Amino acid sequence: MFPNDKVKSLIGSKVQIEMKGEKFTLEGTLEVVDDYLNLHLINTTEIVDGERTRALGSVLVRGNNIILVNPVNE
């Protein structure tokens, strides 16, 4: 399975996103993915050192800044 297909299969699921050069993780529900792995997350929160620090709501993450997309088991 190609990475695009795997990430697209996570639409509607809660995921955590790690990005280049950032010291925080984003956690939210994956709403939309395109062919460049740009992601639209809803109900997004910022996690710093394992603690939820602030609610961000709707967030668009550019695909070339993403290091890791990790599904969250609820």
PDB file of N, CA and C in Angstrom:
ATOM      1  N   MET A   1       0.850  -1.180   0.000  1.00  0.00           N
ATOM      2  CA  MET A   1       0.000   0.000   0.000  1.00  0.00           C
ATOM      3  C   MET A   1       0.893   1.240   0.000  1.00  0.00           C
ATOM      4  N   PHE A   2       0.564   2.205  -0.840  1.00  0.00           N
ATOM      5  CA  PHE A   2       1.309   3.450  -0.915  1.00  0.00           C
ATOM      6  C   PHE A   2       0.977   4.342   0.278  1.00  0.00           C
ATOM      7  N   PRO A   3       1.904   5.192   0.695  1.00  0.00           N
ATOM      8  CA  PRO A   3       1.643   6.084   1.838  1.00  0.00           C
ATOM      9  C   PRO A   3       0.385   6.933   1.655  1.00  0.00           C
ATOM     10  N   ASN A   4       0.153   7.432   0.436  1.00  0.00           N
ATOM     11  CA  ASN A   4      -1.051   8.235   0.198  1.00  0.00           C
ATOM     12  C   ASN A   4      -2.312   7.443   0.515  1.00  0.00           C
ATOM     13  N   ASP A   5      -2.353   6.183   0.073  1.00  0.00           N
ATOM     14  CA  ASP A   5      -3.525   5.345   0.312  1.00  0.00           C
ATOM     15  C   ASP A   5      -3.697   5.050   1.796  1.00  0.00           C
ATOM     16  N   LYS A   6      -2.604   4.824   2.493  1.00  0.00           N
ATOM     17  CA  LYS A   6      -2.680   4.538   3.930  1.00  0.00           C
ATOM     18  C   LYS A   6      -3.217   5.748   4.686  1.00  0.00           C
ATOM     19  N   VAL A   7      -2.711   6.931   4.378  1.00  0.00           N
ATOM     20  CA  VAL A   7      -3.171   8.141   5.060  1.00  0.00           C
ATOM     21  C   VAL A   7      -4.626   8.419   4.702  1.00  0.00           C
ATOM     22  N   LYS A   8      -5.003   8.225   3.438  1.00  0.00           N
ATOM     23  CA  LYS A   8      -6.394   8.436   3.038  1.00  0.00           C
ATOM     24  C   LYS A   8      -7.340   7.477   3.749  1.00  0.00           C
ATOM     25  N   SER A   9      -6.855   6.291   4.103  1.00  0.00           N
ATOM     26  CA  SER A   9      -7.703   5.337   4.835  1.00  0.00           C
ATOM     27  C   SER A   9      -7.966   5.804   6.273  1.00  0.00           C
ATOM     28  N   LEU A  10      -7.215   6.788   6.747  1.00  0.00           N
ATOM     29  CA  LEU A  10      -7.389   7.312   8.110  1.00  0.00           C
ATOM     30  C   LEU A  10      -8.388   8.466   8.181  1.00  0.00           C
ATOM     31  N   ILE A  11      -8.975   8.866   7.050  1.00  0.00           N
ATOM     32  CA  ILE A  11      -9.949   9.959   7.059  1.00  0.00           C
ATOM     33  C   ILE A  11     -11.092   9.610   8.003  1.00  0.00           C
ATOM     34  N   GLY A  12     -11.435  10.557   8.858  1.00  0.00           N
ATOM     35  CA  GLY A  12     -12.478  10.348   9.859  1.00  0.00           C
ATOM     36  C   GLY A  12     -11.947   9.836  11.182  1.00  0.00           C
ATOM     37  N   SER A  13     -10.659   9.494  11.227  1.00  0.00           N
ATOM     38  CA  SER A  13     -10.025   8.979  12.443  1.00  0.00           C
ATOM     39  C   SER A  13      -9.216  10.072  13.127  1.00  0.00           C
ATOM     40  N   LYS A  14      -8.948   9.872  14.410  1.00  0.00           N
ATOM     41  CA  LYS A  14      -8.100  10.788  15.158  1.00  0.00           C
ATOM     42  C   LYS A  14      -6.645  10.414  14.896  1.00  0.00           C
ATOM     43  N   VAL A  15      -5.816  11.426  14.587  1.00  0.00           N
ATOM     44  CA  VAL A  15      -4.404  11.206  14.293  1.00  0.00           C
ATOM     45  C   VAL A  15      -3.545  12.222  15.042  1.00  0.00           C
ATOM     46  N   GLN A  16      -2.281  11.867  15.229  1.00  0.00           N
ATOM     47  CA  GLN A  16      -1.284  12.798  15.748  1.00  0.00           C
ATOM     48  C   GLN A  16      -0.293  13.078  14.630  1.00  0.00           C
ATOM     49  N   ILE A  17       0.106  14.349  14.515  1.00  0.00           N
ATOM     50  CA  ILE A  17       1.004  14.789  13.448  1.00  0.00           C
ATOM     51  C   ILE A  17       2.259  15.384  14.075  1.00  0.00           C
ATOM     52  N   GLU A  18       3.433  14.882  13.665  1.00  0.00           N
ATOM     53  CA  GLU A  18       4.705  15.487  14.051  1.00  0.00           C
ATOM     54  C   GLU A  18       5.250  16.200  12.829  1.00  0.00           C
ATOM     55  N   MET A  19       5.761  17.429  13.041  1.00  0.00           N
ATOM     56  CA  MET A  19       6.232  18.244  11.932  1.00  0.00           C
ATOM     57  C   MET A  19       7.704  18.587  12.083  1.00  0.00           C
ATOM     58  N   LYS A  20       8.349  18.921  10.964  1.00  0.00           N
ATOM     59  CA  LYS A  20       9.755  19.303  10.952  1.00  0.00           C
ATOM     60  C   LYS A  20       9.977  20.543  11.816  1.00  0.00           C
ATOM     61  N   GLY A  21      11.002  20.508  12.636  1.00  0.00           N
ATOM     62  CA  GLY A  21      11.428  21.683  13.380  1.00  0.00           C
ATOM     63  C   GLY A  21      10.501  22.153  14.479  1.00  0.00           C
ATOM     64  N   GLU A  22       9.464  21.415  14.795  1.00  0.00           N
ATOM     65  CA  GLU A  22       8.511  21.832  15.821  1.00  0.00           C
ATOM     66  C   GLU A  22       8.682  20.981  17.073  1.00  0.00           C
ATOM     67  N   LYS A  23       8.452  21.581  18.227  1.00  0.00           N
ATOM     68  CA  LYS A  23       8.588  20.870  19.495  1.00  0.00           C
ATOM     69  C   LYS A  23       7.242  20.430  20.040  1.00  0.00           C
ATOM     70  N   PHE A  24       6.219  20.530  19.212  1.00  0.00           N
ATOM     71  CA  PHE A  24       4.895  20.116  19.643  1.00  0.00           C
ATOM     72  C   PHE A  24       4.305  19.143  18.627  1.00  0.00           C
ATOM     73  N   THR A  25       3.247  18.465  19.052  1.00  0.00           N
ATOM     74  CA  THR A  25       2.506  17.531  18.213  1.00  0.00           C
ATOM     75  C   THR A  25       1.085  18.046  18.079  1.00  0.00           C
ATOM     76  N   LEU A  26       0.492  17.844  16.928  1.00  0.00           N
ATOM     77  CA  LEU A  26      -0.910  18.187  16.728  1.00  0.00           C
ATOM     78  C   LEU A  26      -1.740  16.912  16.762  1.00  0.00           C
ATOM     79  N   GLU A  27      -2.889  16.982  17.422  1.00  0.00           N
ATOM     80  CA  GLU A  27      -3.801  15.851  17.450  1.00  0.00           C
ATOM     81  C   GLU A  27      -5.179  16.341  17.041  1.00  0.00           C
ATOM     82  N   GLY A  28      -5.774  15.674  16.067  1.00  0.00           N
ATOM     83  CA  GLY A  28      -7.096  16.063  15.605  1.00  0.00           C
ATOM     84  C   GLY A  28      -7.694  14.999  14.716  1.00  0.00           C
ATOM     85  N   THR A  29      -8.904  15.256  14.260  1.00  0.00           N
ATOM     86  CA  THR A  29      -9.605  14.334  13.378  1.00  0.00           C
ATOM     87  C   THR A  29      -9.273  14.688  11.938  1.00  0.00           C
ATOM     88  N   LEU A  30      -8.795  13.695  11.202  1.00  0.00           N
ATOM     89  CA  LEU A  30      -8.401  13.901   9.803  1.00  0.00           C
ATOM     90  C   LEU A  30      -9.644  14.052   8.942  1.00  0.00           C
ATOM     91  N   GLU A  31      -9.757  15.189   8.276  1.00  0.00           N
ATOM     92  CA  GLU A  31     -10.940  15.506   7.476  1.00  0.00           C
ATOM     93  C   GLU A  31     -10.689  15.289   5.983  1.00  0.00           C
ATOM     94  N   VAL A  32      -9.550  15.781   5.470  1.00  0.00           N
ATOM     95  CA  VAL A  32      -9.258  15.716   4.030  1.00  0.00           C
ATOM     96  C   VAL A  32      -7.759  15.511   3.829  1.00  0.00           C
ATOM     97  N   VAL A  33      -7.399  14.735   2.788  1.00  0.00           N
ATOM     98  CA  VAL A  33      -6.006  14.526   2.376  1.00  0.00           C
ATOM     99  C   VAL A  33      -5.951  14.688   0.865  1.00  0.00           C
ATOM    100  N   ASP A  34      -4.913  15.369   0.365  1.00  0.00           N
ATOM    101  CA  ASP A  34      -4.754  15.446  -1.085  1.00  0.00           C
ATOM    102  C   ASP A  34      -3.535  14.638  -1.524  1.00  0.00           C
ATOM    103  N   ASP A  35      -3.211  14.686  -2.820  1.00  0.00           N
ATOM    104  CA  ASP A  35      -2.113  13.881  -3.362  1.00  0.00           C
ATOM    105  C   ASP A  35      -0.740  14.320  -2.871  1.00  0.00           C
ATOM    106  N   TYR A  36      -0.621  15.529  -2.334  1.00  0.00           N
ATOM    107  CA  TYR A  36       0.644  16.029  -1.799  1.00  0.00           C
ATOM    108  C   TYR A  36       0.744  15.812  -0.290  1.00  0.00           C
ATOM    109  N   LEU A  37      -0.202  15.064   0.267  1.00  0.00           N
ATOM    110  CA  LEU A  37      -0.315  14.782   1.706  1.00  0.00           C
ATOM    111  C   LEU A  37      -0.533  16.049   2.534  1.00  0.00           C
ATOM    112  N   ASN A  38      -1.130  17.079   1.929  1.00  0.00           N
ATOM    113  CA  ASN A  38      -1.605  18.201   2.732  1.00  0.00           C
ATOM    114  C   ASN A  38      -2.802  17.688   3.517  1.00  0.00           C
ATOM    115  N   LEU A  39      -2.851  17.995   4.801  1.00  0.00           N
ATOM    116  CA  LEU A  39      -3.896  17.458   5.672  1.00  0.00           C
ATOM    117  C   LEU A  39      -4.754  18.573   6.238  1.00  0.00           C
ATOM    118  N   HIS A  40      -6.051  18.325   6.322  1.00  0.00           N
ATOM    119  CA  HIS A  40      -6.962  19.224   7.017  1.00  0.00           C
ATOM    120  C   HIS A  40      -7.463  18.476   8.252  1.00  0.00           C
ATOM    121  N   LEU A  41      -7.169  19.034   9.431  1.00  0.00           N
ATOM    122  CA  LEU A  41      -7.594  18.448  10.703  1.00  0.00           C
ATOM    123  C   LEU A  41      -8.657  19.328  11.334  1.00  0.00           C
ATOM    124  N   ILE A  42      -9.627  18.698  11.983  1.00  0.00           N
ATOM    125  CA  ILE A  42     -10.628  19.440  12.744  1.00  0.00           C
ATOM    126  C   ILE A  42     -10.526  19.019  14.206  1.00  0.00           C
ATOM    127  N   ASN A  43     -11.072  19.847  15.081  1.00  0.00           N
ATOM    128  CA  ASN A  43     -11.010  19.600  16.535  1.00  0.00           C
ATOM    129  C   ASN A  43      -9.569  19.346  16.971  1.00  0.00           C
ATOM    130  N   THR A  44      -8.663  20.171  16.500  1.00  0.00           N
ATOM    131  CA  THR A  44      -7.226  19.976  16.706  1.00  0.00           C
ATOM    132  C   THR A  44      -6.769  20.590  18.020  1.00  0.00           C
ATOM    133  N   THR A  45      -5.884  19.875  18.723  1.00  0.00           N
ATOM    134  CA  THR A  45      -5.243  20.397  19.930  1.00  0.00           C
ATOM    135  C   THR A  45      -3.739  20.284  19.774  1.00  0.00           C
ATOM    136  N   GLU A  46      -3.028  21.175  20.450  1.00  0.00           N
ATOM    137  CA  GLU A  46      -1.569  21.177  20.454  1.00  0.00           C
ATOM    138  C   GLU A  46      -1.102  20.434  21.697  1.00  0.00           C
ATOM    139  N   ILE A  47      -0.129  19.545  21.532  1.00  0.00           N
ATOM    140  CA  ILE A  47       0.415  18.766  22.649  1.00  0.00           C
ATOM    141  C   ILE A  47       1.893  19.097  22.785  1.00  0.00           C
ATOM    142  N   VAL A  48       2.279  19.578  23.985  1.00  0.00           N
ATOM    143  CA  VAL A  48       3.676  19.900  24.282  1.00  0.00           C
ATOM    144  C   VAL A  48       4.085  19.081  25.495  1.00  0.00           C
ATOM    145  N   ASP A  49       5.148  18.292  25.353  1.00  0.00           N
ATOM    146  CA  ASP A  49       5.651  17.444  26.435  1.00  0.00           C
ATOM    147  C   ASP A  49       4.556  16.563  27.036  1.00  0.00           C
ATOM    148  N   GLY A  50       3.677  16.021  26.182  1.00  0.00           N
ATOM    149  CA  GLY A  50       2.635  15.110  26.625  1.00  0.00           C
ATOM    150  C   GLY A  50       1.404  15.767  27.213  1.00  0.00           C
ATOM    151  N   GLU A  51       1.363  17.094  27.297  1.00  0.00           N
ATOM    152  CA  GLU A  51       0.214  17.807  27.853  1.00  0.00           C
ATOM    153  C   GLU A  51      -0.476  18.612  26.765  1.00  0.00           C
ATOM    154  N   ARG A  52      -1.795  18.571  26.766  1.00  0.00           N
ATOM    155  CA  ARG A  52      -2.568  19.379  25.833  1.00  0.00           C
ATOM    156  C   ARG A  52      -2.502  20.833  26.284  1.00  0.00           C
ATOM    157  N   THR A  53      -1.975  21.701  25.421  1.00  0.00           N
ATOM    158  CA  THR A  53      -1.760  23.082  25.830  1.00  0.00           C
ATOM    159  C   THR A  53      -2.833  24.036  25.334  1.00  0.00           C
ATOM    160  N   ARG A  54      -3.324  23.850  24.093  1.00  0.00           N
ATOM    161  CA  ARG A  54      -4.366  24.744  23.597  1.00  0.00           C
ATOM    162  C   ARG A  54      -5.155  24.090  22.477  1.00  0.00           C
ATOM    163  N   ALA A  55      -6.389  24.531  22.341  1.00  0.00           N
ATOM    164  CA  ALA A  55      -7.265  24.059  21.262  1.00  0.00           C
ATOM    165  C   ALA A  55      -7.078  24.964  20.050  1.00  0.00           C
ATOM    166  N   LEU A  56      -6.888  24.367  18.880  1.00  0.00           N
ATOM    167  CA  LEU A  56      -6.650  25.130  17.658  1.00  0.00           C
ATOM    168  C   LEU A  56      -7.836  25.086  16.700  1.00  0.00           C
ATOM    169  N   GLY A  57      -8.709  24.108  16.830  1.00  0.00           N
ATOM    170  CA  GLY A  57      -9.859  23.995  15.936  1.00  0.00           C
ATOM    171  C   GLY A  57      -9.475  23.396  14.600  1.00  0.00           C
ATOM    172  N   SER A  58      -9.773  24.117  13.510  1.00  0.00           N
ATOM    173  CA  SER A  58      -9.503  23.647  12.161  1.00  0.00           C
ATOM    174  C   SER A  58      -8.088  24.055  11.741  1.00  0.00           C
ATOM    175  N   VAL A  59      -7.296  23.079  11.254  1.00  0.00           N
ATOM    176  CA  VAL A  59      -5.896  23.334  10.904  1.00  0.00           C
ATOM    177  C   VAL A  59      -5.579  22.672   9.564  1.00  0.00           C
ATOM    178  N   LEU A  60      -4.836  23.389   8.727  1.00  0.00           N
ATOM    179  CA  LEU A  60      -4.322  22.839   7.483  1.00  0.00           C
ATOM    180  C   LEU A  60      -2.816  22.677   7.638  1.00  0.00           C
ATOM    181  N   VAL A  61      -2.312  21.454   7.427  1.00  0.00           N
ATOM    182  CA  VAL A  61      -0.887  21.162   7.563  1.00  0.00           C
ATOM    183  C   VAL A  61      -0.336  20.830   6.183  1.00  0.00           C
ATOM    184  N   ARG A  62       0.686  21.535   5.789  1.00  0.00           N
ATOM    185  CA  ARG A  62       1.301  21.321   4.480  1.00  0.00           C
ATOM    186  C   ARG A  62       2.097  20.015   4.488  1.00  0.00           C
ATOM    187  N   GLY A  63       1.931  19.217   3.453  1.00  0.00           N
ATOM    188  CA  GLY A  63       2.512  17.881   3.389  1.00  0.00           C
ATOM    189  C   GLY A  63       4.020  17.821   3.500  1.00  0.00           C
ATOM    190  N   ASN A  64       4.746  18.821   2.961  1.00  0.00           N
ATOM    191  CA  ASN A  64       6.209  18.751   3.004  1.00  0.00           C
ATOM    192  C   ASN A  64       6.770  19.092   4.382  1.00  0.00           C
ATOM    193  N   ASN A  65       5.924  19.478   5.347  1.00  0.00           N
ATOM    194  CA  ASN A  65       6.371  19.752   6.717  1.00  0.00           C
ATOM    195  C   ASN A  65       6.103  18.595   7.668  1.00  0.00           C
ATOM    196  N   ILE A  66       5.488  17.539   7.168  1.00  0.00           N
ATOM    197  CA  ILE A  66       5.084  16.422   8.029  1.00  0.00           C
ATOM    198  C   ILE A  66       6.192  15.374   8.101  1.00  0.00           C
ATOM    199  N   ILE A  67       6.501  14.959   9.317  1.00  0.00           N
ATOM    200  CA  ILE A  67       7.449  13.873   9.546  1.00  0.00           C
ATOM    201  C   ILE A  67       6.708  12.558   9.768  1.00  0.00           C
ATOM    202  N   LEU A  68       5.632  12.608  10.580  1.00  0.00           N
ATOM    203  CA  LEU A  68       4.942  11.396  11.013  1.00  0.00           C
ATOM    204  C   LEU A  68       3.452  11.643  11.138  1.00  0.00           C
ATOM    205  N   VAL A  69       2.662  10.701  10.640  1.00  0.00           N
ATOM    206  CA  VAL A  69       1.209  10.681  10.858  1.00  0.00           C
ATOM    207  C   VAL A  69       0.935   9.396  11.628  1.00  0.00           C
ATOM    208  N   ASN A  70       0.432   9.551  12.855  1.00  0.00           N
ATOM    209  CA  ASN A  70       0.242   8.404  13.726  1.00  0.00           C
ATOM    210  C   ASN A  70      -1.233   8.301  14.125  1.00  0.00           C
ATOM    211  N   PRO A  71      -1.912   7.191  13.806  1.00  0.00           N
ATOM    212  CA  PRO A  71      -3.302   7.041  14.250  1.00  0.00           C
ATOM    213  C   PRO A  71      -3.367   6.894  15.757  1.00  0.00           C
ATOM    214  N   VAL A  72      -4.420   7.473  16.355  1.00  0.00           N
ATOM    215  CA  VAL A  72      -4.597   7.424  17.806  1.00  0.00           C
ATOM    216  C   VAL A  72      -5.647   6.375  18.134  1.00  0.00           C
ATOM    217  N   ASN A  73      -5.299   5.437  18.995  1.00  0.00           N
ATOM    218  CA  ASN A  73      -6.266   4.436  19.446  1.00  0.00           C
ATOM    219  C   ASN A  73      -7.087   5.009  20.582  1.00  0.00           C
ATOM    220  N   GLU A  74      -8.399   5.059  20.394  1.00  0.00           N
ATOM    221  CA  GLU A  74      -9.257   5.643  21.419  1.00  0.00           C
ATOM    222  C   GLU A  74      -9.859   4.564  22.273  1.00  0.00           C
TER     223      GLU A  74
END
